N, C-alpha and C. Protein backbone atom coordinates (compact mmCIF):
# COMPACT_ATOMS: atom_id res chain seq x y z
N MET A 1 -41.62 14.17 -35.06
CA MET A 1 -41.53 14.57 -33.78
C MET A 1 -41.34 16.20 -33.30
N LYS A 2 -41.81 16.60 -32.49
CA LYS A 2 -41.63 17.91 -32.01
C LYS A 2 -40.39 18.18 -31.64
N LYS A 3 -39.93 19.47 -31.92
CA LYS A 3 -38.54 19.97 -31.47
C LYS A 3 -38.18 19.79 -30.01
N ASN A 4 -39.33 20.38 -29.26
CA ASN A 4 -38.92 20.10 -27.70
C ASN A 4 -38.84 18.80 -27.39
N LYS A 5 -39.50 17.94 -27.76
CA LYS A 5 -39.49 16.38 -27.45
C LYS A 5 -38.29 15.77 -27.79
N LEU A 6 -37.88 16.29 -29.08
CA LEU A 6 -36.48 15.68 -29.50
C LEU A 6 -35.41 16.40 -28.66
N ILE A 7 -35.43 17.60 -28.16
CA ILE A 7 -34.38 18.06 -27.16
C ILE A 7 -34.39 17.48 -25.89
N LEU A 8 -35.46 17.05 -25.28
CA LEU A 8 -35.83 16.26 -24.08
C LEU A 8 -35.22 14.94 -24.18
N LEU A 9 -35.42 14.22 -25.42
CA LEU A 9 -35.11 12.94 -25.63
C LEU A 9 -33.36 12.94 -25.72
N VAL A 10 -32.72 13.88 -26.07
CA VAL A 10 -31.26 13.94 -26.19
C VAL A 10 -30.76 14.42 -24.90
N ILE A 11 -31.58 15.27 -24.08
CA ILE A 11 -31.04 15.49 -22.64
C ILE A 11 -31.05 14.17 -21.75
N LEU A 12 -32.18 13.51 -22.00
CA LEU A 12 -32.37 12.07 -21.25
C LEU A 12 -31.18 11.11 -21.76
N PHE A 13 -30.85 11.21 -23.06
CA PHE A 13 -29.76 10.08 -23.36
C PHE A 13 -28.43 10.78 -22.81
N VAL A 14 -28.23 12.07 -22.81
CA VAL A 14 -27.03 12.50 -22.28
C VAL A 14 -26.82 12.16 -20.74
N LEU A 15 -27.97 12.64 -19.99
CA LEU A 15 -27.88 11.95 -18.58
C LEU A 15 -27.62 10.66 -18.19
N VAL A 16 -28.25 9.77 -18.88
CA VAL A 16 -28.04 8.50 -18.89
C VAL A 16 -26.76 8.04 -19.19
N ALA A 17 -26.13 8.55 -20.23
CA ALA A 17 -24.89 8.31 -20.70
C ALA A 17 -23.81 8.80 -19.51
N ALA A 18 -23.96 9.81 -18.91
CA ALA A 18 -23.27 10.61 -17.95
C ALA A 18 -23.25 9.82 -16.54
N TYR A 19 -24.53 9.01 -16.28
CA TYR A 19 -24.81 8.32 -15.19
C TYR A 19 -23.84 7.00 -15.42
N PHE A 20 -23.77 6.40 -16.68
CA PHE A 20 -22.93 5.32 -16.64
C PHE A 20 -21.59 5.47 -16.64
N VAL A 21 -21.10 6.44 -17.19
CA VAL A 21 -19.82 6.76 -17.32
C VAL A 21 -19.38 7.13 -15.79
N LEU A 22 -20.06 7.74 -14.93
CA LEU A 22 -19.48 8.05 -13.71
C LEU A 22 -19.78 6.91 -12.87
N ARG A 23 -20.51 6.08 -13.08
CA ARG A 23 -20.94 4.87 -12.28
C ARG A 23 -19.67 3.98 -12.40
N PHE A 24 -19.07 3.70 -13.71
CA PHE A 24 -18.11 2.77 -14.09
C PHE A 24 -16.61 3.34 -13.71
N THR A 25 -16.63 4.81 -13.75
CA THR A 25 -15.23 5.35 -13.60
C THR A 25 -15.14 6.06 -12.36
N ARG A 26 -15.97 5.74 -11.29
CA ARG A 26 -15.79 6.25 -9.98
C ARG A 26 -14.45 6.10 -9.16
N PRO A 27 -14.01 7.23 -8.52
CA PRO A 27 -12.79 6.88 -7.84
C PRO A 27 -12.95 6.06 -6.74
N GLU A 28 -12.11 5.09 -6.68
CA GLU A 28 -11.74 4.02 -5.53
C GLU A 28 -10.53 4.33 -4.89
N GLU A 29 -10.68 3.86 -3.58
CA GLU A 29 -9.19 3.82 -2.75
C GLU A 29 -8.40 2.76 -3.30
N LYS A 30 -7.27 3.22 -3.57
CA LYS A 30 -6.14 2.49 -4.17
C LYS A 30 -5.14 2.07 -3.28
N ASN A 31 -4.89 0.99 -2.98
CA ASN A 31 -3.92 0.34 -2.15
C ASN A 31 -2.48 0.19 -2.72
N SER A 32 -1.46 0.68 -2.15
CA SER A 32 -0.18 0.45 -2.69
C SER A 32 0.94 -0.01 -1.60
N ARG A 33 1.76 -0.46 -1.81
CA ARG A 33 2.84 -0.88 -0.85
C ARG A 33 3.61 0.27 -0.33
N ILE A 34 3.83 0.38 0.76
CA ILE A 34 4.75 1.52 1.28
C ILE A 34 6.02 1.38 1.04
N PHE A 35 6.58 0.35 1.27
CA PHE A 35 8.03 0.14 0.78
C PHE A 35 8.09 -0.95 -0.56
N ASP A 36 8.46 -0.25 -1.31
CA ASP A 36 8.51 -0.98 -2.53
C ASP A 36 10.09 -2.02 -2.65
N LEU A 37 10.16 -2.87 -1.95
CA LEU A 37 11.17 -3.72 -1.78
C LEU A 37 11.16 -5.18 -1.92
N ASP A 38 12.07 -5.75 -2.41
CA ASP A 38 12.02 -7.07 -2.40
C ASP A 38 12.62 -7.81 -1.10
N SER A 39 11.66 -8.56 -0.50
CA SER A 39 12.04 -9.01 0.86
C SER A 39 13.28 -9.85 1.08
N LEU A 40 13.71 -10.51 -0.13
CA LEU A 40 14.73 -11.47 -0.23
C LEU A 40 15.97 -10.64 -0.49
N ALA A 41 15.78 -9.38 -0.93
CA ALA A 41 17.16 -8.80 -1.14
C ALA A 41 17.62 -7.99 0.08
N ILE A 42 16.83 -8.14 1.07
CA ILE A 42 17.11 -7.11 2.41
C ILE A 42 18.09 -8.03 3.24
N PHE A 43 19.28 -7.26 3.57
CA PHE A 43 20.29 -7.91 4.35
C PHE A 43 20.56 -7.11 5.77
N SER A 44 20.09 -5.93 6.01
CA SER A 44 20.03 -5.25 6.95
C SER A 44 18.89 -4.28 7.25
N ILE A 45 18.50 -4.43 8.51
CA ILE A 45 17.31 -3.61 8.95
C ILE A 45 17.79 -2.63 10.15
N GLU A 46 17.67 -1.29 10.06
CA GLU A 46 18.02 -0.42 11.30
C GLU A 46 16.94 0.42 11.68
N VAL A 47 16.52 0.47 12.95
CA VAL A 47 15.49 1.21 13.46
C VAL A 47 15.96 2.18 14.67
N PHE A 48 15.65 3.34 14.42
CA PHE A 48 16.35 4.26 15.35
C PHE A 48 15.26 5.45 15.78
N ASP A 49 15.46 5.81 16.90
CA ASP A 49 14.84 7.26 17.21
C ASP A 49 15.93 8.07 17.96
N ALA A 50 15.57 9.23 18.74
CA ALA A 50 16.51 10.07 19.16
C ALA A 50 17.14 9.40 20.39
N ASN A 51 16.74 8.27 20.81
CA ASN A 51 17.16 8.00 22.24
C ASN A 51 17.98 6.55 21.87
N ASP A 52 17.32 5.72 21.09
CA ASP A 52 18.11 4.47 20.93
C ASP A 52 18.21 4.04 19.40
N SER A 53 18.91 3.04 19.07
CA SER A 53 18.83 2.45 17.82
C SER A 53 18.89 0.82 17.93
N LEU A 54 18.67 0.36 16.89
CA LEU A 54 18.41 -1.16 16.69
C LEU A 54 18.89 -1.61 15.46
N ARG A 55 19.89 -2.67 15.29
CA ARG A 55 20.38 -3.04 14.05
C ARG A 55 20.12 -4.58 13.74
N ILE A 56 19.58 -5.07 12.97
CA ILE A 56 19.39 -6.36 12.63
C ILE A 56 20.05 -6.67 11.37
N GLU A 57 20.79 -7.84 11.24
CA GLU A 57 21.42 -8.04 10.04
C GLU A 57 21.18 -9.61 9.83
N LYS A 58 21.37 -9.89 8.42
CA LYS A 58 20.96 -11.31 7.93
C LYS A 58 22.52 -12.07 7.68
N GLN A 59 22.74 -13.09 8.63
CA GLN A 59 24.09 -13.70 8.33
C GLN A 59 23.87 -15.28 8.23
N LYS A 60 24.16 -15.69 7.21
CA LYS A 60 24.17 -17.02 6.66
C LYS A 60 22.50 -17.54 6.92
N ASP A 61 21.62 -16.62 6.31
CA ASP A 61 20.33 -17.12 6.45
C ASP A 61 19.60 -17.15 7.83
N ILE A 62 20.17 -16.38 8.73
CA ILE A 62 19.75 -16.18 10.11
C ILE A 62 19.77 -14.70 10.52
N TRP A 63 18.72 -14.26 11.01
CA TRP A 63 18.67 -12.81 11.27
C TRP A 63 19.15 -12.51 12.75
N VAL A 64 20.13 -11.79 12.76
CA VAL A 64 20.83 -11.67 14.04
C VAL A 64 20.89 -10.05 14.58
N LEU A 65 20.50 -9.81 15.78
CA LEU A 65 20.48 -8.39 16.33
C LEU A 65 21.86 -8.28 16.45
N VAL A 66 22.32 -7.22 15.96
CA VAL A 66 23.81 -6.97 16.16
C VAL A 66 23.96 -5.69 17.19
N SER A 67 23.08 -4.68 17.07
CA SER A 67 23.41 -3.60 17.97
C SER A 67 22.08 -3.36 18.62
N PRO A 68 22.06 -3.23 19.90
CA PRO A 68 22.97 -2.89 21.05
C PRO A 68 23.76 -4.05 21.65
N VAL A 69 23.05 -5.20 21.39
CA VAL A 69 23.77 -6.68 21.84
C VAL A 69 23.57 -7.47 20.76
N ARG A 70 24.61 -8.47 20.73
CA ARG A 70 24.41 -9.52 19.76
C ARG A 70 23.44 -10.88 20.15
N TRP A 71 22.67 -10.79 19.35
CA TRP A 71 21.68 -12.05 19.70
C TRP A 71 20.71 -12.51 18.62
N GLU A 72 20.53 -13.82 18.46
CA GLU A 72 19.77 -14.39 17.52
C GLU A 72 18.39 -14.04 17.46
N THR A 73 17.64 -13.56 16.29
CA THR A 73 16.39 -13.30 16.57
C THR A 73 15.43 -14.47 16.27
N ASP A 74 14.07 -14.40 16.82
CA ASP A 74 13.16 -15.28 16.47
C ASP A 74 12.58 -15.33 15.04
N ALA A 75 12.80 -16.61 14.61
CA ALA A 75 12.49 -16.64 13.08
C ALA A 75 11.11 -16.33 12.82
N SER A 76 10.09 -16.77 13.42
CA SER A 76 8.76 -16.33 13.42
C SER A 76 8.47 -14.93 13.55
N ARG A 77 9.10 -14.06 14.48
CA ARG A 77 8.80 -12.68 14.43
C ARG A 77 9.33 -12.07 13.27
N MET A 78 10.52 -12.46 12.78
CA MET A 78 11.06 -11.78 11.64
C MET A 78 10.31 -12.19 10.40
N GLN A 79 9.66 -13.38 10.28
CA GLN A 79 8.75 -13.33 9.12
C GLN A 79 7.48 -12.71 9.40
N SER A 80 7.00 -12.59 10.72
CA SER A 80 5.79 -11.55 10.65
C SER A 80 6.21 -10.25 10.43
N LEU A 81 7.49 -9.73 10.70
CA LEU A 81 8.03 -8.35 10.18
C LEU A 81 7.65 -8.27 8.79
N PHE A 82 8.42 -9.28 8.16
CA PHE A 82 8.24 -9.08 6.49
C PHE A 82 6.82 -9.17 6.13
N THR A 83 5.96 -10.03 6.63
CA THR A 83 4.65 -10.29 6.19
C THR A 83 3.83 -8.92 6.54
N ASP A 84 3.86 -8.53 7.78
CA ASP A 84 3.02 -7.38 8.14
C ASP A 84 3.61 -6.06 7.85
N VAL A 85 4.76 -5.66 7.88
CA VAL A 85 5.22 -4.53 7.63
C VAL A 85 5.97 -4.12 6.04
N ILE A 86 6.74 -5.01 5.68
CA ILE A 86 7.45 -4.74 4.62
C ILE A 86 6.54 -5.02 3.32
N SER A 87 5.86 -6.07 3.47
CA SER A 87 4.84 -6.29 2.15
C SER A 87 3.45 -5.82 2.39
N ALA A 88 3.21 -5.04 3.33
CA ALA A 88 1.78 -4.66 3.67
C ALA A 88 1.52 -3.68 2.82
N ARG A 89 -0.02 -3.46 2.32
CA ARG A 89 -0.54 -2.49 1.62
C ARG A 89 -1.38 -1.59 2.31
N TYR A 90 -1.22 -0.22 2.09
CA TYR A 90 -1.98 0.58 2.79
C TYR A 90 -2.61 1.60 1.81
N PRO A 91 -3.81 2.20 2.15
CA PRO A 91 -4.43 3.34 1.08
C PRO A 91 -3.43 4.54 1.14
N LYS A 92 -3.19 4.96 -0.02
CA LYS A 92 -2.47 6.24 -0.47
C LYS A 92 -3.35 7.27 -0.80
N THR A 93 -4.57 7.29 -0.77
CA THR A 93 -5.55 8.12 -1.03
C THR A 93 -5.69 9.43 0.03
N PRO A 94 -5.72 10.63 -0.28
CA PRO A 94 -5.71 11.73 0.60
C PRO A 94 -7.29 11.50 1.27
N MET A 95 -7.21 11.88 2.50
CA MET A 95 -8.68 12.09 3.25
C MET A 95 -8.91 13.58 3.65
N GLY A 96 -10.14 13.78 3.58
CA GLY A 96 -10.56 15.29 3.62
C GLY A 96 -11.46 15.24 4.87
């Protein structure tokens, strides 16, 4: 086999190997949890901004709005909060 054919064959092999390596190790968007919390270990939630604040506490397995007024919360909405917000997964890869 001539020398330049051997060089071309080696280059072809390197390019095919590089293609498969890049194909199988391509970067993918990774989703991770925003809050790394155990939803069963949460006993109080406080949401606030410059003007208002809201505090919810778990009392005897019932979520109760404590501040600004005392009020029992809707169980389905609290379940939705834990499902949609606390345990949600969002992409953390930077976008350009």
